[in-house]
Amino acid sequence: MAIKIDKDCCVGCAACVDACPVGVIEMVDGKADPVRNDDCTSCGVCVETCPVNCIELAD
């Protein structure tokens, strides 16, 4: 499994970047981007951390 980030919703706070224990998420053009999504462990920490609920676990 991996994550999906709604970039239209993302406010660029980078909370998910700091929270991700495996470093899957990076900031790209001021928005969170799961650049290493294949390494995602689906722990859900980023989902819980996002203050605007823009991240979800995806199949």
Protein backbone atom coordinates (compact mmCIF):
# COMPACT_ATOMS: atom_id res chain seq x y z
CA MET A 1 0.00 0.00 0.00
CA ALA A 2 1.06 3.63 -0.33
CA ILE A 3 -0.24 7.13 0.31
CA LYS A 4 -2.12 9.63 -1.80
CA ILE A 5 -1.75 13.36 -1.19
CA ASP A 6 -4.31 15.85 -2.49
CA LYS A 7 -2.00 18.63 -3.66
CA ASP A 8 -4.90 21.04 -4.13
CA CYS A 9 -5.63 20.67 -0.43
CA CYS A 10 -2.01 20.66 0.80
CA VAL A 11 -1.01 23.89 2.57
CA GLY A 12 2.73 23.11 2.48
CA CYS A 13 3.23 22.90 6.23
CA ALA A 14 5.63 19.91 5.89
CA ALA A 15 4.28 18.23 9.04
CA CYS A 16 4.01 14.95 7.14
CA VAL A 17 7.61 15.23 5.93
CA ASP A 18 8.84 15.51 9.50
CA ALA A 19 6.52 12.76 10.73
CA CYS A 20 7.26 10.09 8.11
CA PRO A 21 9.53 7.48 9.74
CA VAL A 22 10.87 6.20 6.41
CA GLY A 23 11.32 9.51 4.57
CA VAL A 24 8.84 8.82 1.78
CA ILE A 25 7.50 12.38 1.59
CA GLU A 26 9.40 15.42 0.37
CA MET A 27 8.38 18.98 -0.42
CA VAL A 28 8.19 19.66 -4.17
CA ASP A 29 7.17 23.13 -5.35
CA GLY A 30 5.84 23.95 -1.87
CA LYS A 31 3.60 20.88 -1.64
CA ALA A 32 4.04 17.46 -0.03
CA ASP A 33 4.90 14.76 -2.55
CA PRO A 34 5.31 11.03 -1.89
CA VAL A 35 8.43 10.79 -4.05
CA ARG A 36 9.47 7.39 -2.66
CA ASN A 37 5.99 5.87 -2.42
CA ASP A 38 7.34 2.35 -3.10
CA ASP A 39 9.09 2.52 0.28
CA CYS A 40 5.90 3.49 2.14
CA THR A 41 5.09 1.10 5.02
CA SER A 42 1.47 2.34 5.31
CA CYS A 43 1.96 3.17 8.98
CA GLY A 44 -0.52 6.06 8.74
CA VAL A 45 1.54 8.54 10.74
CA CYS A 46 1.36 11.11 7.94
CA VAL A 47 -2.42 10.69 7.69
CA GLU A 48 -2.78 11.39 11.41
CA THR A 49 -0.31 14.29 11.28
CA CYS A 50 -1.79 16.25 8.36
CA PRO A 51 -3.64 19.24 9.88
CA VAL A 52 -5.87 19.66 6.81
CA ASN A 53 -6.60 15.96 6.14
CA CYS A 54 -5.06 15.87 2.66
CA ILE A 55 -3.41 12.45 2.96
CA GLU A 56 -5.01 9.03 2.71
CA LEU A 57 -3.79 5.47 2.46
CA ALA A 58 -4.24 4.18 -1.09
CA ASP A 59 -4.12 0.73 -2.64
